[in-house]
PDB file of N, CA and C in Angstrom:
ATOM      1  N   MET A   1      39.578 243.793 -61.640  1.00  0.00           N
ATOM      2  CA  MET A   1      39.529 245.227 -61.479  1.00  0.00           C
ATOM      3  C   MET A   1      38.138 245.724 -61.868  1.00  0.00           C
ATOM      4  N   ALA A   2      37.658 246.684 -61.118  1.00  0.00           N
ATOM      5  CA  ALA A   2      36.345 247.265 -61.384  1.00  0.00           C
ATOM      6  C   ALA A   2      36.430 248.764 -61.189  1.00  0.00           C
ATOM      7  N   SER A   3      35.492 249.484 -61.776  1.00  0.00           N
ATOM      8  CA  SER A   3      35.457 250.923 -61.573  1.00  0.00           C
ATOM      9  C   SER A   3      34.025 251.358 -61.315  1.00  0.00           C
ATOM     10  N   LEU A   4      33.902 252.413 -60.524  1.00  0.00           N
ATOM     11  CA  LEU A   4      32.588 252.985 -60.254  1.00  0.00           C
ATOM     12  C   LEU A   4      32.317 254.038 -61.308  1.00  0.00           C
ATOM     13  N   ALA A   5      31.256 253.874 -62.046  1.00  0.00           N
ATOM     14  CA  ALA A   5      30.916 254.811 -63.111  1.00  0.00           C
ATOM     15  C   ALA A   5      30.563 256.168 -62.528  1.00  0.00           C
ATOM     16  N   GLY A   6      31.026 257.211 -63.207  1.00  0.00           N
ATOM     17  CA  GLY A   6      30.683 258.564 -62.796  1.00  0.00           C
ATOM     18  C   GLY A   6      31.493 259.084 -61.628  1.00  0.00           C
ATOM     19  N   THR A   7      32.504 258.324 -61.193  1.00  0.00           N
ATOM     20  CA  THR A   7      33.342 258.782 -60.096  1.00  0.00           C
ATOM     21  C   THR A   7      34.786 258.510 -60.432  1.00  0.00           C
ATOM     22  N   ALA A   8      35.662 259.076 -59.631  1.00  0.00           N
ATOM     23  CA  ALA A   8      37.080 258.802 -59.795  1.00  0.00           C
ATOM     24  C   ALA A   8      37.410 257.418 -59.274  1.00  0.00           C
ATOM     25  N   GLY A   9      36.441 256.755 -58.635  1.00  0.00           N
ATOM     26  CA  GLY A   9      36.667 255.427 -58.064  1.00  0.00           C
ATOM     27  C   GLY A   9      37.132 255.551 -56.636  1.00  0.00           C
ATOM     28  N   ALA A  10      37.223 254.440 -55.963  1.00  0.00           N
ATOM     29  CA  ALA A  10      37.666 254.421 -54.577  1.00  0.00           C
ATOM     30  C   ALA A  10      38.996 253.706 -54.514  1.00  0.00           C
ATOM     31  N   SER A  11      39.875 254.177 -53.648  1.00  0.00           N
ATOM     32  CA  SER A  11      41.148 253.486 -53.500  1.00  0.00           C
ATOM     33  C   SER A  11      40.916 252.179 -52.756  1.00  0.00           C
ATOM     34  N   ALA A  12      41.888 251.276 -52.858  1.00  0.00           N
ATOM     35  CA  ALA A  12      41.745 249.961 -52.228  1.00  0.00           C
ATOM     36  C   ALA A  12      41.586 250.075 -50.721  1.00  0.00           C
ATOM     37  N   ASP A  13      42.191 251.113 -50.107  1.00  0.00           N
ATOM     38  CA  ASP A  13      42.107 251.279 -48.659  1.00  0.00           C
ATOM     39  C   ASP A  13      40.721 251.729 -48.214  1.00  0.00           C
ATOM     40  N   GLU A  14      40.038 252.501 -49.045  1.00  0.00           N
ATOM     41  CA  GLU A  14      38.738 253.053 -48.670  1.00  0.00           C
ATOM     42  C   GLU A  14      37.592 252.087 -48.915  1.00  0.00           C
ATOM     43  N   GLY A  15      37.740 251.185 -49.840  1.00  0.00           N
ATOM     44  CA  GLY A  15      36.631 250.325 -50.226  1.00  0.00           C
ATOM     45  C   GLY A  15      35.665 251.093 -51.104  1.00  0.00           C
ATOM     46  N   ILE A  16      34.477 250.554 -51.254  1.00  0.00           N
ATOM     47  CA  ILE A  16      33.442 251.185 -52.073  1.00  0.00           C
ATOM     48  C   ILE A  16      32.519 251.947 -51.140  1.00  0.00           C
ATOM     49  N   LYS A  17      32.410 253.255 -51.337  1.00  0.00           N
ATOM     50  CA  LYS A  17      31.564 254.082 -50.478  1.00  0.00           C
ATOM     51  C   LYS A  17      30.210 254.299 -51.139  1.00  0.00           C
ATOM     52  N   LEU A  18      29.158 254.020 -50.373  1.00  0.00           N
ATOM     53  CA  LEU A  18      27.788 254.227 -50.835  1.00  0.00           C
ATOM     54  C   LEU A  18      27.052 255.121 -49.851  1.00  0.00           C
ATOM     55  N   VAL A  19      25.984 255.736 -50.323  1.00  0.00           N
ATOM     56  CA  VAL A  19      25.097 256.540 -49.486  1.00  0.00           C
ATOM     57  C   VAL A  19      23.778 255.780 -49.392  1.00  0.00           C
ATOM     58  N   THR A  20      23.160 255.784 -48.211  1.00  0.00           N
ATOM     59  CA  THR A  20      21.891 255.071 -48.050  1.00  0.00           C
ATOM     60  C   THR A  20      20.867 255.567 -49.060  1.00  0.00           C
ATOM     61  N   ASN A  21      20.106 254.626 -49.588  1.00  0.00           N
ATOM     62  CA  ASN A  21      19.026 254.899 -50.536  1.00  0.00           C
ATOM     63  C   ASN A  21      19.500 255.495 -51.859  1.00  0.00           C
ATOM     64  N   GLN A  22      20.779 255.297 -52.189  1.00  0.00           N
ATOM     65  CA  GLN A  22      21.297 255.750 -53.475  1.00  0.00           C
ATOM     66  C   GLN A  22      22.044 254.610 -54.151  1.00  0.00           C
ATOM     67  N   ALA A  23      22.027 254.604 -55.473  1.00  0.00           N
ATOM     68  CA  ALA A  23      22.665 253.541 -56.252  1.00  0.00           C
ATOM     69  C   ALA A  23      23.896 254.064 -56.983  1.00  0.00           C
ATOM     70  N   ARG A  24      24.842 253.152 -57.208  1.00  0.00           N
ATOM     71  CA  ARG A  24      26.039 253.451 -58.004  1.00  0.00           C
ATOM     72  C   ARG A  24      26.293 252.286 -58.945  1.00  0.00           C
ATOM     73  N   VAL A  25      26.823 252.593 -60.106  1.00  0.00           N
ATOM     74  CA  VAL A  25      27.117 251.575 -61.110  1.00  0.00           C
ATOM     75  C   VAL A  25      28.559 251.116 -60.953  1.00  0.00           C
ATOM     76  N   LEU A  26      28.749 249.809 -60.933  1.00  0.00           N
ATOM     77  CA  LEU A  26      30.074 249.200 -60.850  1.00  0.00           C
ATOM     78  C   LEU A  26      30.329 248.489 -62.176  1.00  0.00           C
ATOM     79  N   ARG A  27      31.331 248.964 -62.922  1.00  0.00           N
ATOM     80  CA  ARG A  27      31.687 248.358 -64.209  1.00  0.00           C
ATOM     81  C   ARG A  27      32.834 247.379 -63.991  1.00  0.00           C
ATOM     82  N   LEU A  28      32.697 246.183 -64.525  1.00  0.00           N
ATOM     83  CA  LEU A  28      33.673 245.118 -64.315  1.00  0.00           C
ATOM     84  C   LEU A  28      34.610 244.981 -65.509  1.00  0.00           C
ATOM     85  N   ALA A  29      35.854 244.583 -65.230  1.00  0.00           N
ATOM     86  CA  ALA A  29      36.859 244.406 -66.272  1.00  0.00           C
ATOM     87  C   ALA A  29      36.585 243.169 -67.119  1.00  0.00           C
ATOM     88  N   ARG A  30      35.937 242.175 -66.524  1.00  0.00           N
ATOM     89  CA  ARG A  30      35.591 240.956 -67.267  1.00  0.00           C
ATOM     90  C   ARG A  30      34.234 240.453 -66.779  1.00  0.00           C
ATOM     91  N   PRO A  31      33.603 239.569 -67.536  1.00  0.00           N
ATOM     92  CA  PRO A  31      32.248 239.113 -67.190  1.00  0.00           C
ATOM     93  C   PRO A  31      32.175 238.392 -65.840  1.00  0.00           C
ATOM     94  N   ALA A  32      31.126 238.700 -65.093  1.00  0.00           N
ATOM     95  CA  ALA A  32      30.897 238.074 -63.783  1.00  0.00           C
ATOM     96  C   ALA A  32      30.026 236.836 -63.929  1.00  0.00           C
ATOM     97  N   ASP A  33      30.275 235.870 -63.054  1.00  0.00           N
ATOM     98  CA  ASP A  33      29.449 234.667 -62.996  1.00  0.00           C
ATOM     99  C   ASP A  33      28.647 234.635 -61.697  1.00  0.00           C
ATOM    100  N   THR A  34      29.278 235.076 -60.587  1.00  0.00           N
ATOM    101  CA  THR A  34      28.648 235.040 -59.267  1.00  0.00           C
ATOM    102  C   THR A  34      28.889 236.365 -58.556  1.00  0.00           C
ATOM    103  N   VAL A  35      27.835 236.912 -57.925  1.00  0.00           N
ATOM    104  CA  VAL A  35      27.945 238.142 -57.137  1.00  0.00           C
ATOM    105  C   VAL A  35      27.384 237.855 -55.755  1.00  0.00           C
ATOM    106  N   VAL A  36      28.199 238.123 -54.714  1.00  0.00           N
ATOM    107  CA  VAL A  36      27.777 237.876 -53.332  1.00  0.00           C
ATOM    108  C   VAL A  36      28.022 239.136 -52.506  1.00  0.00           C
ATOM    109  N   VAL A  37      26.987 239.586 -51.787  1.00  0.00           N
ATOM    110  CA  VAL A  37      27.120 240.685 -50.826  1.00  0.00           C
ATOM    111  C   VAL A  37      27.050 240.067 -49.444  1.00  0.00           C
ATOM    112  N   GLY A  38      28.020 240.395 -48.584  1.00  0.00           N
ATOM    113  CA  GLY A  38      28.093 239.805 -47.251  1.00  0.00           C
ATOM    114  C   GLY A  38      26.836 240.002 -46.428  1.00  0.00           C
ATOM    115  N   ASN A  39      26.341 241.228 -46.342  1.00  0.00           N
ATOM    116  CA  ASN A  39      25.136 241.521 -45.565  1.00  0.00           C
ATOM    117  C   ASN A  39      24.168 242.309 -46.442  1.00  0.00           C
ATOM    118  N   PRO A  40      23.149 241.652 -46.998  1.00  0.00           N
ATOM    119  CA  PRO A  40      22.218 242.341 -47.890  1.00  0.00           C
ATOM    120  C   PRO A  40      21.330 243.378 -47.202  1.00  0.00           C
ATOM    121  N   GLU A  41      21.374 243.473 -45.881  1.00  0.00           N
ATOM    122  CA  GLU A  41      20.633 244.535 -45.196  1.00  0.00           C
ATOM    123  C   GLU A  41      21.405 245.847 -45.237  1.00  0.00           C
ATOM    124  N   ILE A  42      22.699 245.792 -45.534  1.00  0.00           N
ATOM    125  CA  ILE A  42      23.527 246.997 -45.628  1.00  0.00           C
ATOM    126  C   ILE A  42      23.633 247.471 -47.076  1.00  0.00           C
ATOM    127  N   ALA A  43      23.846 246.543 -48.006  1.00  0.00           N
ATOM    128  CA  ALA A  43      23.970 246.902 -49.426  1.00  0.00           C
ATOM    129  C   ALA A  43      23.347 245.811 -50.286  1.00  0.00           C
ATOM    130  N   ASP A  44      22.913 246.220 -51.459  1.00  0.00           N
ATOM    131  CA  ASP A  44      22.309 245.288 -52.406  1.00  0.00           C
ATOM    132  C   ASP A  44      23.046 245.409 -53.733  1.00  0.00           C
ATOM    133  N   ALA A  45      23.163 244.302 -54.443  1.00  0.00           N
ATOM    134  CA  ALA A  45      23.788 244.295 -55.762  1.00  0.00           C
ATOM    135  C   ALA A  45      22.823 243.682 -56.761  1.00  0.00           C
ATOM    136  N   VAL A  46      22.598 244.387 -57.861  1.00  0.00           N
ATOM    137  CA  VAL A  46      21.740 243.898 -58.934  1.00  0.00           C
ATOM    138  C   VAL A  46      22.590 243.818 -60.194  1.00  0.00           C
ATOM    139  N   VAL A  47      22.593 242.658 -60.823  1.00  0.00           N
ATOM    140  CA  VAL A  47      23.376 242.457 -62.038  1.00  0.00           C
ATOM    141  C   VAL A  47      22.570 242.967 -63.232  1.00  0.00           C
ATOM    142  N   GLN A  48      23.096 243.983 -63.915  1.00  0.00           N
ATOM    143  CA  GLN A  48      22.448 244.521 -65.115  1.00  0.00           C
ATOM    144  C   GLN A  48      22.813 243.681 -66.333  1.00  0.00           C
ATOM    145  N   ASP A  49      24.102 243.389 -66.466  1.00  0.00           N
ATOM    146  CA  ASP A  49      24.606 242.491 -67.500  1.00  0.00           C
ATOM    147  C   ASP A  49      25.907 241.897 -66.960  1.00  0.00           C
ATOM    148  N   ALA A  50      26.601 241.103 -67.748  1.00  0.00           N
ATOM    149  CA  ALA A  50      27.776 240.375 -67.253  1.00  0.00           C
ATOM    150  C   ALA A  50      28.899 241.283 -66.774  1.00  0.00           C
ATOM    151  N   ARG A  51      28.921 242.536 -67.218  1.00  0.00           N
ATOM    152  CA  ARG A  51      29.992 243.460 -66.831  1.00  0.00           C
ATOM    153  C   ARG A  51      29.502 244.677 -66.040  1.00  0.00           C
ATOM    154  N   THR A  52      28.228 244.695 -65.664  1.00  0.00           N
ATOM    155  CA  THR A  52      27.674 245.846 -64.955  1.00  0.00           C
ATOM    156  C   THR A  52      26.855 245.389 -63.754  1.00  0.00           C
ATOM    157  N   VAL A  53      27.218 245.916 -62.578  1.00  0.00           N
ATOM    158  CA  VAL A  53      26.495 245.628 -61.338  1.00  0.00           C
ATOM    159  C   VAL A  53      26.075 246.962 -60.731  1.00  0.00           C
ATOM    160  N   VAL A  54      24.824 247.063 -60.293  1.00  0.00           N
ATOM    161  CA  VAL A  54      24.340 248.272 -59.628  1.00  0.00           C
ATOM    162  C   VAL A  54      24.290 247.996 -58.133  1.00  0.00           C
ATOM    163  N   LEU A  55      25.018 248.818 -57.362  1.00  0.00           N
ATOM    164  CA  LEU A  55      25.057 248.693 -55.905  1.00  0.00           C
ATOM    165  C   LEU A  55      24.155 249.746 -55.290  1.00  0.00           C
ATOM    166  N   THR A  56      23.389 249.363 -54.270  1.00  0.00           N
ATOM    167  CA  THR A  56      22.511 250.297 -53.568  1.00  0.00           C
ATOM    168  C   THR A  56      22.771 250.207 -52.074  1.00  0.00           C
ATOM    169  N   GLY A  57      22.988 251.366 -51.440  1.00  0.00           N
ATOM    170  CA  GLY A  57      23.148 251.419 -49.993  1.00  0.00           C
ATOM    171  C   GLY A  57      21.790 251.287 -49.331  1.00  0.00           C
ATOM    172  N   LYS A  58      21.625 250.282 -48.472  1.00  0.00           N
ATOM    173  CA  LYS A  58      20.332 250.035 -47.829  1.00  0.00           C
ATOM    174  C   LYS A  58      20.319 250.392 -46.348  1.00  0.00           C
ATOM    175  N   GLY A  59      21.432 250.241 -45.668  1.00  0.00           N
ATOM    176  CA  GLY A  59      21.497 250.529 -44.238  1.00  0.00           C
ATOM    177  C   GLY A  59      22.907 250.927 -43.866  1.00  0.00           C
ATOM    178  N   PHE A  60      23.064 251.619 -42.774  1.00  0.00           N
ATOM    179  CA  PHE A  60      24.382 252.087 -42.354  1.00  0.00           C
ATOM    180  C   PHE A  60      25.246 250.921 -41.911  1.00  0.00           C
ATOM    181  N   GLY A  61      26.522 250.969 -42.265  1.00  0.00           N
ATOM    182  CA  GLY A  61      27.446 249.944 -41.800  1.00  0.00           C
ATOM    183  C   GLY A  61      28.465 249.551 -42.844  1.00  0.00           C
ATOM    184  N   VAL A  62      29.133 248.442 -42.552  1.00  0.00           N
ATOM    185  CA  VAL A  62      30.196 247.936 -43.413  1.00  0.00           C
ATOM    186  C   VAL A  62      29.893 246.484 -43.751  1.00  0.00           C
ATOM    187  N   THR A  63      30.048 246.129 -45.002  1.00  0.00           N
ATOM    188  CA  THR A  63      29.917 244.748 -45.457  1.00  0.00           C
ATOM    189  C   THR A  63      30.953 244.542 -46.547  1.00  0.00           C
ATOM    190  N   ASN A  64      30.827 243.482 -47.304  1.00  0.00           N
ATOM    191  CA  ASN A  64      31.761 243.269 -48.404  1.00  0.00           C
ATOM    192  C   ASN A  64      31.025 242.742 -49.623  1.00  0.00           C
ATOM    193  N   ILE A  65      31.712 242.798 -50.758  1.00  0.00           N
ATOM    194  CA  ILE A  65      31.182 242.245 -52.000  1.00  0.00           C
ATOM    195  C   ILE A  65      32.267 241.400 -52.644  1.00  0.00           C
ATOM    196  N   VAL A  66      31.869 240.244 -53.136  1.00  0.00           N
ATOM    197  CA  VAL A  66      32.772 239.361 -53.866  1.00  0.00           C
ATOM    198  C   VAL A  66      32.106 239.063 -55.207  1.00  0.00           C
ATOM    199  N   ILE A  67      32.836 239.325 -56.283  1.00  0.00           N
ATOM    200  CA  ILE A  67      32.351 239.025 -57.629  1.00  0.00           C
ATOM    201  C   ILE A  67      33.355 238.075 -58.267  1.00  0.00           C
ATOM    202  N   ILE A  68      32.845 236.943 -58.756  1.00  0.00           N
ATOM    203  CA  ILE A  68      33.698 235.874 -59.273  1.00  0.00           C
ATOM    204  C   ILE A  68      33.357 235.621 -60.737  1.00  0.00           C
ATOM    205  N   ASP A  69      34.386 235.345 -61.549  1.00  0.00           N
ATOM    206  CA  ASP A  69      34.149 235.027 -62.961  1.00  0.00           C
ATOM    207  C   ASP A  69      33.876 233.531 -63.136  1.00  0.00           C
ATOM    208  N   ALA A  70      33.649 233.102 -64.366  1.00  0.00           N
ATOM    209  CA  ALA A  70      33.299 231.705 -64.654  1.00  0.00           C
ATOM    210  C   ALA A  70      34.418 230.728 -64.303  1.00  0.00           C
ATOM    211  N   ASP A  71      35.666 231.212 -64.241  1.00  0.00           N
ATOM    212  CA  ASP A  71      36.808 230.359 -63.886  1.00  0.00           C
ATOM    213  C   ASP A  71      37.014 230.252 -62.380  1.00  0.00           C
ATOM    214  N   GLY A  72      36.217 230.991 -61.598  1.00  0.00           N
ATOM    215  CA  GLY A  72      36.356 230.971 -60.145  1.00  0.00           C
ATOM    216  C   GLY A  72      37.340 231.991 -59.608  1.00  0.00           C
ATOM    217  N   SER A  73      37.836 232.876 -60.460  1.00  0.00           N
ATOM    218  CA  SER A  73      38.766 233.927 -60.033  1.00  0.00           C
ATOM    219  C   SER A  73      37.986 235.162 -59.594  1.00  0.00           C
ATOM    220  N   ALA A  74      38.474 235.811 -58.541  1.00  0.00           N
ATOM    221  CA  ALA A  74      37.808 237.007 -58.030  1.00  0.00           C
ATOM    222  C   ALA A  74      38.061 238.196 -58.954  1.00  0.00           C
ATOM    223  N   ILE A  75      36.988 238.838 -59.369  1.00  0.00           N
ATOM    224  CA  ILE A  75      37.078 240.090 -60.118  1.00  0.00           C
ATOM    225  C   ILE A  75      37.106 241.239 -59.114  1.00  0.00           C
ATOM    226  N   VAL A  76      36.235 241.150 -58.113  1.00  0.00           N
ATOM    227  CA  VAL A  76      36.141 242.143 -57.040  1.00  0.00           C
ATOM    228  C   VAL A  76      36.049 241.396 -55.725  1.00  0.00           C
ATOM    229  N   ASP A  77      36.831 241.830 -54.757  1.00  0.00           N
ATOM    230  CA  ASP A  77      36.748 241.339 -53.373  1.00  0.00           C
ATOM    231  C   ASP A  77      37.039 242.555 -52.521  1.00  0.00           C
ATOM    232  N   ASP A  78      36.000 243.308 -52.206  1.00  0.00           N
ATOM    233  CA  ASP A  78      36.193 244.620 -51.599  1.00  0.00           C
ATOM    234  C   ASP A  78      35.184 244.877 -50.489  1.00  0.00           C
ATOM    235  N   GLN A  79      35.521 245.835 -49.663  1.00  0.00           N
ATOM    236  CA  GLN A  79      34.656 246.263 -48.572  1.00  0.00           C
ATOM    237  C   GLN A  79      33.697 247.325 -49.100  1.00  0.00           C
ATOM    238  N   ILE A  80      32.462 247.315 -48.592  1.00  0.00           N
ATOM    239  CA  ILE A  80      31.473 248.350 -48.904  1.00  0.00           C
ATOM    240  C   ILE A  80      31.167 249.093 -47.611  1.00  0.00           C
ATOM    241  N   VAL A  81      31.278 250.415 -47.664  1.00  0.00           N
ATOM    242  CA  VAL A  81      30.972 251.258 -46.508  1.00  0.00           C
ATOM    243  C   VAL A  81      29.757 252.104 -46.874  1.00  0.00           C
ATOM    244  N   VAL A  82      28.668 251.948 -46.105  1.00  0.00           N
ATOM    245  CA  VAL A  82      27.441 252.695 -46.379  1.00  0.00           C
ATOM    246  C   VAL A  82      27.224 253.715 -45.266  1.00  0.00           C
ATOM    247  N   GLY A  83      27.063 254.959 -45.657  1.00  0.00           N
ATOM    248  CA  GLY A  83      26.818 256.039 -44.702  1.00  0.00           C
ATOM    249  C   GLY A  83      25.718 256.938 -45.231  1.00  0.00           C
ATOM    250  N   ARG A  84      25.476 258.013 -44.552  1.00  0.00           N
ATOM    251  CA  ARG A  84      24.439 258.952 -44.989  1.00  0.00           C
ATOM    252  C   ARG A  84      25.093 260.182 -45.613  1.00  0.00           C
ATOM    253  N   ASP A  85      24.336 260.868 -46.431  1.00  0.00           N
ATOM    254  CA  ASP A  85      24.790 262.110 -47.045  1.00  0.00           C
ATOM    255  C   ASP A  85      24.397 263.247 -46.110  1.00  0.00           C
ATOM    256  N   ASP A  86      25.357 263.690 -45.317  1.00  0.00           N
ATOM    257  CA  ASP A  86      25.072 264.736 -44.333  1.00  0.00           C
ATOM    258  C   ASP A  86      25.122 266.143 -44.918  1.00  0.00           C
ATOM    259  N   THR A  87      25.447 266.278 -46.196  1.00  0.00           N
ATOM    260  CA  THR A  87      25.594 267.614 -46.756  1.00  0.00           C
ATOM    261  C   THR A  87      24.272 268.368 -46.860  1.00  0.00           C
ATOM    262  N   LYS A  88      23.157 267.646 -46.962  1.00  0.00           N
ATOM    263  CA  LYS A  88      21.862 268.315 -47.112  1.00  0.00           C
ATOM    264  C   LYS A  88      20.850 267.824 -46.090  1.00  0.00           C
ATOM    265  N   THR A  89      21.344 267.407 -44.923  1.00  0.00           N
ATOM    266  CA  THR A  89      20.433 266.960 -43.875  1.00  0.00           C
ATOM    267  C   THR A  89      20.672 267.745 -42.600  1.00  0.00           C
ATOM    268  N   THR A  90      19.624 267.840 -41.827  1.00  0.00           N
ATOM    269  CA  THR A  90      19.683 268.511 -40.533  1.00  0.00           C
ATOM    270  C   THR A  90      18.957 267.642 -39.525  1.00  0.00           C
ATOM    271  N   ARG A  91      19.504 267.553 -38.321  1.00  0.00           N
ATOM    272  CA  ARG A  91      18.839 266.808 -37.255  1.00  0.00           C
ATOM    273  C   ARG A  91      18.308 267.794 -36.224  1.00  0.00           C
ATOM    274  N   VAL A  92      17.061 267.571 -35.818  1.00  0.00           N
ATOM    275  CA  VAL A  92      16.436 268.396 -34.791  1.00  0.00           C
ATOM    276  C   VAL A  92      16.264 267.518 -33.559  1.00  0.00           C
ATOM    277  N   TYR A  93      16.854 267.946 -32.441  1.00  0.00           N
ATOM    278  CA  TYR A  93      16.788 267.189 -31.188  1.00  0.00           C
ATOM    279  C   TYR A  93      15.811 267.871 -30.240  1.00  0.00           C
ATOM    280  N   ARG A  94      14.825 267.100 -29.784  1.00  0.00           N
ATOM    281  CA  ARG A  94      13.873 267.571 -28.771  1.00  0.00           C
ATOM    282  C   ARG A  94      13.873 266.540 -27.660  1.00  0.00           C
ATOM    283  N   ARG A  95      14.684 266.760 -26.663  1.00  0.00           N
ATOM    284  CA  ARG A  95      14.893 265.793 -25.582  1.00  0.00           C
ATOM    285  C   ARG A  95      15.324 264.461 -26.171  1.00  0.00           C
ATOM    286  N   ALA A  96      14.552 263.401 -25.994  1.00  0.00           N
ATOM    287  CA  ALA A  96      14.941 262.078 -26.497  1.00  0.00           C
ATOM    288  C   ALA A  96      14.534 261.871 -27.954  1.00  0.00           C
ATOM    289  N   ASP A  97      13.726 262.765 -28.502  1.00  0.00           N
ATOM    290  CA  ASP A  97      13.244 262.613 -29.875  1.00  0.00           C
ATOM    291  C   ASP A  97      14.209 263.281 -30.852  1.00  0.00           C
ATOM    292  N   VAL A  98      14.566 262.547 -31.907  1.00  0.00           N
ATOM    293  CA  VAL A  98      15.427 263.090 -32.954  1.00  0.00           C
ATOM    294  C   VAL A  98      14.674 262.996 -34.269  1.00  0.00           C
ATOM    295  N   GLN A  99      14.617 264.110 -34.984  1.00  0.00           N
ATOM    296  CA  GLN A  99      13.965 264.132 -36.288  1.00  0.00           C
ATOM    297  C   GLN A  99      15.000 264.526 -37.332  1.00  0.00           C
ATOM    298  N   MET A 100      15.096 263.747 -38.417  1.00  0.00           N
ATOM    299  CA  MET A 100      16.027 264.071 -39.481  1.00  0.00           C
ATOM    300  C   MET A 100      15.267 264.745 -40.614  1.00  0.00           C
ATOM    301  N   LEU A 101      15.804 265.875 -41.083  1.00  0.00           N
ATOM    302  CA  LEU A 101      15.189 266.632 -42.157  1.00  0.00           C
ATOM    303  C   LEU A 101      16.111 266.644 -43.364  1.00  0.00           C
ATOM    304  N   SER A 102      15.523 266.526 -44.540  1.00  0.00           N
ATOM    305  CA  SER A 102      16.257 266.645 -45.794  1.00  0.00           C
ATOM    306  C   SER A 102      16.014 268.052 -46.309  1.00  0.00           C
ATOM    307  N   CYS A 103      17.075 268.823 -46.474  1.00  0.00           N
ATOM    308  CA  CYS A 103      16.949 270.231 -46.852  1.00  0.00           C
ATOM    309  C   CYS A 103      17.459 270.421 -48.283  1.00  0.00           C
ATOM    310  N   THR A 104      16.560 270.244 -49.248  1.00  0.00           N
ATOM    311  CA  THR A 104      16.957 270.293 -50.657  1.00  0.00           C
ATOM    312  C   THR A 104      15.967 271.065 -51.505  1.00  0.00           C
ATOM    313  N   PRO A 105      15.781 272.327 -51.505  1.00  0.00           N
ATOM    314  CA  PRO A 105      16.349 273.315 -50.607  1.00  0.00           C
ATOM    315  C   PRO A 105      15.488 273.560 -49.373  1.00  0.00           C
ATOM    316  N   PHE A 106      14.220 273.094 -49.382  1.00  0.00           N
ATOM    317  CA  PHE A 106      13.364 273.293 -48.218  1.00  0.00           C
ATOM    318  C   PHE A 106      13.445 272.068 -47.330  1.00  0.00           C
ATOM    319  N   CYS A 107      13.400 272.261 -46.022  1.00  0.00           N
ATOM    320  CA  CYS A 107      13.545 271.148 -45.081  1.00  0.00           C
ATOM    321  C   CYS A 107      12.234 270.379 -44.937  1.00  0.00           C
ATOM    322  N   GLU A 108      12.329 269.059 -45.173  1.00  0.00           N
ATOM    323  CA  GLU A 108      11.198 268.149 -45.019  1.00  0.00           C
ATOM    324  C   GLU A 108      11.696 266.917 -44.294  1.00  0.00           C
ATOM    325  N   LYS A 109      10.773 266.200 -43.648  1.00  0.00           N
ATOM    326  CA  LYS A 109      11.163 264.986 -42.944  1.00  0.00           C
ATOM    327  C   LYS A 109      11.803 264.010 -43.926  1.00  0.00           C
ATOM    328  N   ALA A 110      12.971 263.490 -43.572  1.00  0.00           N
ATOM    329  CA  ALA A 110      13.719 262.592 -44.451  1.00  0.00           C
ATOM    330  C   ALA A 110      13.236 261.160 -44.307  1.00  0.00           C
ATOM    331  N   TYR A 111      13.126 260.465 -45.428  1.00  0.00           N
ATOM    332  CA  TYR A 111      12.808 259.035 -45.402  1.00  0.00           C
ATOM    333  C   TYR A 111      14.040 258.282 -44.928  1.00  0.00           C
ATOM    334  N   GLN A 112      13.858 257.379 -43.958  1.00  0.00           N
ATOM    335  CA  GLN A 112      14.991 256.652 -43.405  1.00  0.00           C
ATOM    336  C   GLN A 112      14.842 255.152 -43.559  1.00  0.00           C
ATOM    337  N   GLY A 113      13.787 254.691 -44.177  1.00  0.00           N
ATOM    338  CA  GLY A 113      13.608 253.258 -44.379  1.00  0.00           C
ATOM    339  C   GLY A 113      13.133 252.572 -43.120  1.00  0.00           C
ATOM    340  N   SER A 114      12.792 251.302 -43.254  1.00  0.00           N
ATOM    341  CA  SER A 114      12.323 250.545 -42.097  1.00  0.00           C
ATOM    342  C   SER A 114      13.492 250.168 -41.213  1.00  0.00           C
ATOM    343  N   GLY A 115      13.354 250.379 -39.939  1.00  0.00           N
ATOM    344  CA  GLY A 115      14.393 250.016 -38.979  1.00  0.00           C
ATOM    345  C   GLY A 115      15.601 250.928 -39.015  1.00  0.00           C
ATOM    346  N   ALA A 116      15.484 252.088 -39.649  1.00  0.00           N
ATOM    347  CA  ALA A 116      16.628 252.987 -39.766  1.00  0.00           C
ATOM    348  C   ALA A 116      16.945 253.640 -38.438  1.00  0.00           C
ATOM    349  N   VAL A 117      18.203 253.976 -38.289  1.00  0.00           N
ATOM    350  CA  VAL A 117      18.684 254.642 -37.089  1.00  0.00           C
ATOM    351  C   VAL A 117      19.079 256.053 -37.464  1.00  0.00           C
ATOM    352  N   ASN A 118      18.718 257.043 -36.630  1.00  0.00           N
ATOM    353  CA  ASN A 118      19.098 258.426 -36.910  1.00  0.00           C
ATOM    354  C   ASN A 118      20.539 258.550 -36.789  1.00  0.00           C
TER     355      ASN A 118
END
């Protein structure tokens, strides 16, 4: 069992929800030995200590995370869904060109990372 710090957590049906270019802390019920992310281009996991993993959304999509203890038992075996935070973004369409703006509170061109899709 694991919990996302600072949130009510995600239900088993929803998986772990991340926002691109943002990190969340995952607290583990017992010490981890191995951490594997299915597709590291979608999400990244950094081990802070044996019971704390920091997840970062890197690209849009769905992947999974498996965290195993020293006995080989799964602590976490869950889906990760990475999306964008649309609450403070605006897209401007000019024919085939799309520009994404981050409006917090003034609108500026949003960083989308290398190879990002609008």
